[in-house]
Amino acid sequence: DQNQIASFYTGAMEEARFIELAPIADRLGGLDLV
């Protein structure tokens, strides 16, 4: 029936908290949408 049961292991995703957007915007010359 297209119903789902799922589990998600975080792993390295936890380190996304250390990523800063400002250097990314500088590299691209700005960001229009995040």
PDB file of all heavy atoms in Angstrom:
ATOM      1  N   ASP A   1       0.813  -1.214   0.000  1.00  0.00           N
ATOM      2  CA  ASP A   1       0.000   0.000   0.000  1.00  0.00           C
ATOM      3  C   ASP A   1       0.847   1.265   0.000  1.00  0.00           C
ATOM      4  O   ASP A   1       0.322   2.363   0.191  1.00  0.00           O
ATOM      5  CB  ASP A   1      -0.939   0.012   1.211  1.00  0.00           C
ATOM      6  CG  ASP A   1      -2.037  -1.031   1.090  1.00  0.00           C
ATOM      7  OD1 ASP A   1      -2.383  -1.394  -0.053  1.00  0.00           O
ATOM      8  OD2 ASP A   1      -2.547  -1.477   2.133  1.00  0.00           O
ATOM      9  N   GLN A   2       2.163   1.115  -0.191  1.00  0.00           N
ATOM     10  CA  GLN A   2       3.101   2.230  -0.176  1.00  0.00           C
ATOM     11  C   GLN A   2       3.262   2.827   1.220  1.00  0.00           C
ATOM     12  O   GLN A   2       3.765   3.948   1.375  1.00  0.00           O
ATOM     13  CB  GLN A   2       2.710   3.331  -1.183  1.00  0.00           C
ATOM     14  CG  GLN A   2       2.548   2.829  -2.608  1.00  0.00           C
ATOM     15  CD  GLN A   2       3.851   2.374  -3.232  1.00  0.00           C
ATOM     16  OE1 GLN A   2       4.741   3.174  -3.474  1.00  0.00           O
ATOM     17  NE2 GLN A   2       3.960   1.077  -3.492  1.00  0.00           N
ATOM     18  N   ASN A   3       2.838   2.113   2.259  1.00  0.00           N
ATOM     19  CA  ASN A   3       3.146   2.504   3.630  1.00  0.00           C
ATOM     20  C   ASN A   3       4.580   2.106   3.933  1.00  0.00           C
ATOM     21  O   ASN A   3       5.100   1.133   3.378  1.00  0.00           O
ATOM     22  CB  ASN A   3       2.190   1.829   4.620  1.00  0.00           C
ATOM     23  CG  ASN A   3       0.767   2.305   4.449  1.00  0.00           C
ATOM     24  OD1 ASN A   3       0.510   3.497   4.312  1.00  0.00           O
ATOM     25  ND2 ASN A   3      -0.177   1.370   4.425  1.00  0.00           N
ATOM     26  N   GLN A   4       5.200   2.858   4.843  1.00  0.00           N
ATOM     27  CA  GLN A   4       6.614   2.634   5.104  1.00  0.00           C
ATOM     28  C   GLN A   4       6.925   2.623   6.600  1.00  0.00           C
ATOM     29  O   GLN A   4       6.292   3.337   7.387  1.00  0.00           O
ATOM     30  CB  GLN A   4       7.458   3.729   4.441  1.00  0.00           C
ATOM     31  CG  GLN A   4       7.365   3.740   2.917  1.00  0.00           C
ATOM     32  CD  GLN A   4       8.214   4.823   2.298  1.00  0.00           C
ATOM     33  OE1 GLN A   4       8.193   5.975   2.719  1.00  0.00           O
ATOM     34  NE2 GLN A   4       8.982   4.462   1.292  1.00  0.00           N
ATOM     35  N   ILE A   5       7.909   1.820   6.961  1.00  0.00           N
ATOM     36  CA  ILE A   5       8.540   1.877   8.278  1.00  0.00           C
ATOM     37  C   ILE A   5      10.026   2.098   8.030  1.00  0.00           C
ATOM     38  O   ILE A   5      10.650   1.375   7.244  1.00  0.00           O
ATOM     39  CB  ILE A   5       8.304   0.595   9.091  1.00  0.00           C
ATOM     40  CG1 ILE A   5       6.831   0.492   9.487  1.00  0.00           C
ATOM     41  CG2 ILE A   5       9.192   0.570  10.333  1.00  0.00           C
ATOM     42  CD1 ILE A   5       6.504  -0.723  10.316  1.00  0.00           C
ATOM     43  N   ALA A   6      10.601   3.102   8.696  1.00  0.00           N
ATOM     44  CA  ALA A   6      11.981   3.469   8.394  1.00  0.00           C
ATOM     45  C   ALA A   6      12.765   3.778   9.661  1.00  0.00           C
ATOM     46  O   ALA A   6      12.201   4.132  10.704  1.00  0.00           O
ATOM     47  CB  ALA A   6      12.004   4.675   7.457  1.00  0.00           C
ATOM     48  N   SER A   7      14.071   3.646   9.542  1.00  0.00           N
ATOM     49  CA  SER A   7      15.010   4.057  10.590  1.00  0.00           C
ATOM     50  C   SER A   7      16.110   4.878   9.929  1.00  0.00           C
ATOM     51  O   SER A   7      16.440   4.668   8.754  1.00  0.00           O
ATOM     52  CB  SER A   7      15.621   2.838  11.291  1.00  0.00           C
ATOM     53  OG  SER A   7      14.631   2.060  11.925  1.00  0.00           O
ATOM     54  N   PHE A   8      16.683   5.803  10.694  1.00  0.00           N
ATOM     55  CA  PHE A   8      17.722   6.677  10.149  1.00  0.00           C
ATOM     56  C   PHE A   8      18.886   6.731  11.130  1.00  0.00           C
ATOM     57  O   PHE A   8      18.716   7.088  12.297  1.00  0.00           O
ATOM     58  CB  PHE A   8      17.167   8.088   9.910  1.00  0.00           C
ATOM     59  CG  PHE A   8      18.069   8.967   9.089  1.00  0.00           C
ATOM     60  CD1 PHE A   8      17.940   9.018   7.710  1.00  0.00           C
ATOM     61  CD2 PHE A   8      19.050   9.742   9.684  1.00  0.00           C
ATOM     62  CE1 PHE A   8      18.777   9.815   6.944  1.00  0.00           C
ATOM     63  CE2 PHE A   8      19.888  10.544   8.932  1.00  0.00           C
ATOM     64  CZ  PHE A   8      19.743  10.586   7.552  1.00  0.00           C
ATOM     65  N   TYR A   9      20.069   6.339  10.644  1.00  0.00           N
ATOM     66  CA  TYR A   9      21.298   6.442  11.437  1.00  0.00           C
ATOM     67  C   TYR A   9      21.980   7.753  11.091  1.00  0.00           C
ATOM     68  O   TYR A   9      22.309   8.010   9.932  1.00  0.00           O
ATOM     69  CB  TYR A   9      22.219   5.261  11.140  1.00  0.00           C
ATOM     70  CG  TYR A   9      23.642   5.478  11.601  1.00  0.00           C
ATOM     71  CD1 TYR A   9      23.960   5.549  12.956  1.00  0.00           C
ATOM     72  CD2 TYR A   9      24.676   5.631  10.668  1.00  0.00           C
ATOM     73  CE1 TYR A   9      25.265   5.762  13.373  1.00  0.00           C
ATOM     74  CE2 TYR A   9      25.984   5.844  11.078  1.00  0.00           C
ATOM     75  CZ  TYR A   9      26.272   5.907  12.432  1.00  0.00           C
ATOM     76  OH  TYR A   9      27.563   6.126  12.854  1.00  0.00           O
ATOM     77  N   THR A  10      22.198   8.590  12.084  1.00  0.00           N
ATOM     78  CA  THR A  10      22.703   9.943  11.851  1.00  0.00           C
ATOM     79  C   THR A  10      24.125   9.948  11.306  1.00  0.00           C
ATOM     80  O   THR A  10      24.443  10.637  10.333  1.00  0.00           O
ATOM     81  CB  THR A  10      22.644  10.755  13.151  1.00  0.00           C
ATOM     82  OG1 THR A  10      21.305  10.790  13.613  1.00  0.00           O
ATOM     83  CG2 THR A  10      23.151  12.156  12.936  1.00  0.00           C
ATOM     84  N   GLY A  11      25.020   9.232  11.947  1.00  0.00           N
ATOM     85  CA  GLY A  11      26.409   9.209  11.503  1.00  0.00           C
ATOM     86  C   GLY A  11      27.021  10.591  11.403  1.00  0.00           C
ATOM     87  O   GLY A  11      26.861  11.431  12.297  1.00  0.00           O
ATOM     88  N   ALA A  12      27.682  10.856  10.291  1.00  0.00           N
ATOM     89  CA  ALA A  12      28.398  12.121  10.105  1.00  0.00           C
ATOM     90  C   ALA A  12      27.467  13.323  10.024  1.00  0.00           C
ATOM     91  O   ALA A  12      27.924  14.468  10.189  1.00  0.00           O
ATOM     92  CB  ALA A  12      29.249  12.046   8.836  1.00  0.00           C
ATOM     93  N   MET A  13      26.191  13.096   9.796  1.00  0.00           N
ATOM     94  CA  MET A  13      25.250  14.218   9.666  1.00  0.00           C
ATOM     95  C   MET A  13      25.297  15.143  10.868  1.00  0.00           C
ATOM     96  O   MET A  13      25.043  16.347  10.752  1.00  0.00           O
ATOM     97  CB  MET A  13      23.840  13.686   9.462  1.00  0.00           C
ATOM     98  CG  MET A  13      22.817  14.738   9.064  1.00  0.00           C
ATOM     99  SD  MET A  13      21.152  14.041   8.859  1.00  0.00           S
ATOM    100  CE  MET A  13      20.616  13.973  10.570  1.00  0.00           C
ATOM    101  N   GLU A  14      25.635  14.598  12.041  1.00  0.00           N
ATOM    102  CA  GLU A  14      25.697  15.414  13.256  1.00  0.00           C
ATOM    103  C   GLU A  14      26.663  16.582  13.118  1.00  0.00           C
ATOM    104  O   GLU A  14      26.495  17.620  13.757  1.00  0.00           O
ATOM    105  CB  GLU A  14      26.116  14.530  14.438  1.00  0.00           C
ATOM    106  CG  GLU A  14      26.149  15.243  15.777  1.00  0.00           C
ATOM    107  CD  GLU A  14      26.512  14.316  16.906  1.00  0.00           C
ATOM    108  OE1 GLU A  14      26.158  13.117  16.829  1.00  0.00           O
ATOM    109  OE2 GLU A  14      27.151  14.772  17.869  1.00  0.00           O
ATOM    110  N   GLU A  15      27.663  16.444  12.268  1.00  0.00           N
ATOM    111  CA  GLU A  15      28.663  17.495  12.118  1.00  0.00           C
ATOM    112  C   GLU A  15      28.213  18.621  11.194  1.00  0.00           C
ATOM    113  O   GLU A  15      28.958  19.584  10.967  1.00  0.00           O
ATOM    114  CB  GLU A  15      29.985  16.888  11.635  1.00  0.00           C
ATOM    115  CG  GLU A  15      30.573  15.904  12.641  1.00  0.00           C
ATOM    116  CD  GLU A  15      31.913  15.329  12.225  1.00  0.00           C
ATOM    117  OE1 GLU A  15      32.599  15.962  11.387  1.00  0.00           O
ATOM    118  OE2 GLU A  15      32.286  14.259  12.733  1.00  0.00           O
ATOM    119  N   ALA A  16      26.997  18.536  10.666  1.00  0.00           N
ATOM    120  CA  ALA A  16      26.467  19.638   9.860  1.00  0.00           C
ATOM    121  C   ALA A  16      26.357  20.918  10.675  1.00  0.00           C
ATOM    122  O   ALA A  16      26.363  22.020  10.118  1.00  0.00           O
ATOM    123  CB  ALA A  16      25.102  19.263   9.289  1.00  0.00           C
ATOM    124  N   ARG A  17      26.273  20.783  11.992  1.00  0.00           N
ATOM    125  CA  ARG A  17      26.173  21.957  12.862  1.00  0.00           C
ATOM    126  C   ARG A  17      27.416  22.835  12.816  1.00  0.00           C
ATOM    127  O   ARG A  17      27.388  23.990  13.230  1.00  0.00           O
ATOM    128  CB  ARG A  17      25.919  21.515  14.300  1.00  0.00           C
ATOM    129  CG  ARG A  17      27.047  20.745  14.945  1.00  0.00           C
ATOM    130  CD  ARG A  17      26.682  20.211  16.306  1.00  0.00           C
ATOM    131  NE  ARG A  17      25.590  19.250  16.240  1.00  0.00           N
ATOM    132  CZ  ARG A  17      25.029  18.705  17.321  1.00  0.00           C
ATOM    133  NH1 ARG A  17      25.461  19.042  18.536  1.00  0.00           N
ATOM    134  NH2 ARG A  17      24.054  17.832  17.184  1.00  0.00           N
ATOM    135  N   PHE A  18      28.519  22.297  12.297  1.00  0.00           N
ATOM    136  CA  PHE A  18      29.762  23.057  12.242  1.00  0.00           C
ATOM    137  C   PHE A  18      29.932  23.819  10.931  1.00  0.00           C
ATOM    138  O   PHE A  18      30.902  24.544  10.753  1.00  0.00           O
ATOM    139  CB  PHE A  18      30.966  22.127  12.443  1.00  0.00           C
ATOM    140  CG  PHE A  18      30.918  21.339  13.715  1.00  0.00           C
ATOM    141  CD1 PHE A  18      31.060  19.958  13.707  1.00  0.00           C
ATOM    142  CD2 PHE A  18      30.723  21.974  14.935  1.00  0.00           C
ATOM    143  CE1 PHE A  18      31.012  19.228  14.886  1.00  0.00           C
ATOM    144  CE2 PHE A  18      30.673  21.259  16.119  1.00  0.00           C
ATOM    145  CZ  PHE A  18      30.820  19.884  16.095  1.00  0.00           C
ATOM    146  N   ILE A  19      29.007  23.649   9.999  1.00  0.00           N
ATOM    147  CA  ILE A  19      29.122  24.302   8.693  1.00  0.00           C
ATOM    148  C   ILE A  19      28.549  25.715   8.761  1.00  0.00           C
ATOM    149  O   ILE A  19      27.421  25.922   9.209  1.00  0.00           O
ATOM    150  CB  ILE A  19      28.379  23.495   7.620  1.00  0.00           C
ATOM    151  CG1 ILE A  19      28.927  22.065   7.539  1.00  0.00           C
ATOM    152  CG2 ILE A  19      28.497  24.175   6.259  1.00  0.00           C
ATOM    153  CD1 ILE A  19      28.135  21.159   6.618  1.00  0.00           C
ATOM    154  N   GLU A  20      29.312  26.671   8.292  1.00  0.00           N
ATOM    155  CA  GLU A  20      28.883  28.075   8.285  1.00  0.00           C
ATOM    156  C   GLU A  20      28.518  28.483   6.861  1.00  0.00           C
ATOM    157  O   GLU A  20      29.218  28.143   5.898  1.00  0.00           O
ATOM    158  CB  GLU A  20      30.015  28.968   8.817  1.00  0.00           C
ATOM    159  CG  GLU A  20      29.641  30.416   8.979  1.00  0.00           C
ATOM    160  CD  GLU A  20      30.772  31.251   9.555  1.00  0.00           C
ATOM    161  OE1 GLU A  20      31.840  30.669   9.846  1.00  0.00           O
ATOM    162  OE2 GLU A  20      30.593  32.474   9.698  1.00  0.00           O
ATOM    163  N   LEU A  21      27.423  29.219   6.729  1.00  0.00           N
ATOM    164  CA  LEU A  21      26.956  29.608   5.397  1.00  0.00           C
ATOM    165  C   LEU A  21      27.721  30.801   4.815  1.00  0.00           C
ATOM    166  O   LEU A  21      27.821  30.922   3.583  1.00  0.00           O
ATOM    167  CB  LEU A  21      25.465  29.951   5.446  1.00  0.00           C
ATOM    168  CG  LEU A  21      24.500  28.796   5.755  1.00  0.00           C
ATOM    169  CD1 LEU A  21      23.071  29.309   5.762  1.00  0.00           C
ATOM    170  CD2 LEU A  21      24.657  27.659   4.755  1.00  0.00           C
ATOM    171  N   ALA A  22      28.246  31.675   5.655  1.00  0.00           N
ATOM    172  CA  ALA A  22      28.892  32.894   5.153  1.00  0.00           C
ATOM    173  C   ALA A  22      30.023  32.610   4.168  1.00  0.00           C
ATOM    174  O   ALA A  22      30.090  33.249   3.100  1.00  0.00           O
ATOM    175  CB  ALA A  22      29.387  33.747   6.322  1.00  0.00           C
ATOM    176  N   PRO A  23      30.943  31.675   4.445  1.00  0.00           N
ATOM    177  CA  PRO A  23      31.990  31.395   3.451  1.00  0.00           C
ATOM    178  C   PRO A  23      31.439  30.857   2.138  1.00  0.00           C
ATOM    179  O   PRO A  23      32.020  31.091   1.069  1.00  0.00           O
ATOM    180  CB  PRO A  23      32.866  30.346   4.161  1.00  0.00           C
ATOM    181  CG  PRO A  23      32.612  30.536   5.617  1.00  0.00           C
ATOM    182  CD  PRO A  23      31.170  30.925   5.700  1.00  0.00           C
ATOM    183  N   ILE A  24      30.328  30.128   2.205  1.00  0.00           N
ATOM    184  CA  ILE A  24      29.708  29.613   0.988  1.00  0.00           C
ATOM    185  C   ILE A  24      29.155  30.775   0.167  1.00  0.00           C
ATOM    186  O   ILE A  24      29.334  30.836  -1.053  1.00  0.00           O
ATOM    187  CB  ILE A  24      28.601  28.614   1.341  1.00  0.00           C
ATOM    188  CG1 ILE A  24      29.182  27.432   2.137  1.00  0.00           C
ATOM    189  CG2 ILE A  24      27.891  28.116   0.079  1.00  0.00           C
ATOM    190  CD1 ILE A  24      28.133  26.513   2.714  1.00  0.00           C
ATOM    191  N   ALA A  25      28.497  31.704   0.850  1.00  0.00           N
ATOM    192  CA  ALA A  25      27.971  32.884   0.163  1.00  0.00           C
ATOM    193  C   ALA A  25      29.104  33.697  -0.460  1.00  0.00           C
ATOM    194  O   ALA A  25      28.988  34.201  -1.586  1.00  0.00           O
ATOM    195  CB  ALA A  25      27.164  33.737   1.132  1.00  0.00           C
ATOM    196  N   ASP A  26      30.216  33.818   0.261  1.00  0.00           N
ATOM    197  CA  ASP A  26      31.366  34.561  -0.279  1.00  0.00           C
ATOM    198  C   ASP A  26      31.911  33.889  -1.531  1.00  0.00           C
ATOM    199  O   ASP A  26      32.260  34.564  -2.509  1.00  0.00           O
ATOM    200  CB  ASP A  26      32.467  34.654   0.783  1.00  0.00           C
ATOM    201  CG  ASP A  26      32.097  35.569   1.946  1.00  0.00           C
ATOM    202  OD1 ASP A  26      31.159  36.379   1.786  1.00  0.00           O
ATOM    203  OD2 ASP A  26      32.742  35.467   3.010  1.00  0.00           O
ATOM    204  N   ARG A  27      31.977  32.568  -1.509  1.00  0.00           N
ATOM    205  CA  ARG A  27      32.509  31.835  -2.672  1.00  0.00           C
ATOM    206  C   ARG A  27      31.643  32.030  -3.904  1.00  0.00           C
ATOM    207  O   ARG A  27      32.141  32.107  -5.033  1.00  0.00           O
ATOM    208  CB  ARG A  27      32.617  30.348  -2.324  1.00  0.00           C
ATOM    209  CG  ARG A  27      33.050  29.460  -3.484  1.00  0.00           C
ATOM    210  CD  ARG A  27      33.387  28.050  -3.035  1.00  0.00           C
ATOM    211  NE  ARG A  27      32.229  27.287  -2.616  1.00  0.00           N
ATOM    212  CZ  ARG A  27      31.447  26.594  -3.435  1.00  0.00           C
ATOM    213  NH1 ARG A  27      31.687  26.603  -4.740  1.00  0.00           N
ATOM    214  NH2 ARG A  27      30.426  25.890  -2.980  1.00  0.00           N
ATOM    215  N   LEU A  28      30.328  32.131  -3.695  1.00  0.00           N
ATOM    216  CA  LEU A  28      29.387  32.227  -4.812  1.00  0.00           C
ATOM    217  C   LEU A  28      29.058  33.663  -5.197  1.00  0.00           C
ATOM    218  O   LEU A  28      28.340  33.898  -6.166  1.00  0.00           O
ATOM    219  CB  LEU A  28      28.088  31.510  -4.456  1.00  0.00           C
ATOM    220  CG  LEU A  28      28.202  30.008  -4.196  1.00  0.00           C
ATOM    221  CD1 LEU A  28      26.877  29.469  -3.707  1.00  0.00           C
ATOM    222  CD2 LEU A  28      28.642  29.279  -5.448  1.00  0.00           C
ATOM    223  N   GLY A  29      29.555  34.616  -4.411  1.00  0.00           N
ATOM    224  CA  GLY A  29      29.174  36.001  -4.657  1.00  0.00           C
ATOM    225  C   GLY A  29      27.787  36.316  -4.149  1.00  0.00           C
ATOM    226  O   GLY A  29      27.116  37.224  -4.637  1.00  0.00           O
ATOM    227  N   GLY A  30      27.340  35.558  -3.150  1.00  0.00           N
ATOM    228  CA  GLY A  30      26.031  35.767  -2.541  1.00  0.00           C
ATOM    229  C   GLY A  30      25.132  34.559  -2.713  1.00  0.00           C
ATOM    230  O   GLY A  30      25.394  33.685  -3.552  1.00  0.00           O
ATOM    231  N   LEU A  31      24.093  34.501  -1.894  1.00  0.00           N
ATOM    232  CA  LEU A  31      23.082  33.458  -1.984  1.00  0.00           C
ATOM    233  C   LEU A  31      21.715  34.112  -2.111  1.00  0.00           C
ATOM    234  O   LEU A  31      21.413  35.068  -1.392  1.00  0.00           O
ATOM    235  CB  LEU A  31      23.105  32.567  -0.737  1.00  0.00           C
ATOM    236  CG  LEU A  31      24.264  31.577  -0.615  1.00  0.00           C
ATOM    237  CD1 LEU A  31      24.280  30.954   0.784  1.00  0.00           C
ATOM    238  CD2 LEU A  31      24.153  30.484  -1.677  1.00  0.00           C
ATOM    239  N   ASP A  32      20.890  33.610  -3.015  1.00  0.00           N
ATOM    240  CA  ASP A  32      19.532  34.126  -3.177  1.00  0.00           C
ATOM    241  C   ASP A  32      18.529  33.357  -2.331  1.00  0.00           C
ATOM    242  O   ASP A  32      17.514  33.909  -1.908  1.00  0.00           O
ATOM    243  CB  ASP A  32      19.111  34.043  -4.646  1.00  0.00           C
ATOM    244  CG  ASP A  32      19.979  34.901  -5.545  1.00  0.00           C
ATOM    245  OD1 ASP A  32      20.189  36.074  -5.202  1.00  0.00           O
ATOM    246  OD2 ASP A  32      20.451  34.391  -6.577  1.00  0.00           O
ATOM    247  N   LEU A  33      18.803  32.076  -2.104  1.00  0.00           N
ATOM    248  CA  LEU A  33      17.845  31.237  -1.403  1.00  0.00           C
ATOM    249  C   LEU A  33      18.576  30.072  -0.753  1.00  0.00           C
ATOM    250  O   LEU A  33      19.457  29.463  -1.370  1.00  0.00           O
ATOM    251  CB  LEU A  33      16.794  30.699  -2.387  1.00  0.00           C
ATOM    252  CG  LEU A  33      15.639  29.883  -1.822  1.00  0.00           C
ATOM    253  CD1 LEU A  33      14.737  30.759  -0.941  1.00  0.00           C
ATOM    254  CD2 LEU A  33      14.819  29.267  -2.952  1.00  0.00           C
ATOM    255  N   VAL A  34      18.195  29.770   0.488  1.00  0.00           N
ATOM    256  CA  VAL A  34      18.750  28.616   1.204  1.00  0.00           C
ATOM    257  C   VAL A  34      17.600  27.695   1.587  1.00  0.00           C
ATOM    258  O   VAL A  34      16.609  28.139   2.173  1.00  0.00           O
ATOM    259  CB  VAL A  34      19.522  29.042   2.462  1.00  0.00           C
ATOM    260  CG1 VAL A  34      19.949  27.823   3.273  1.00  0.00           C
ATOM    261  CG2 VAL A  34      20.745  29.879   2.084  1.00  0.00           C
TER     262      VAL A  34
END
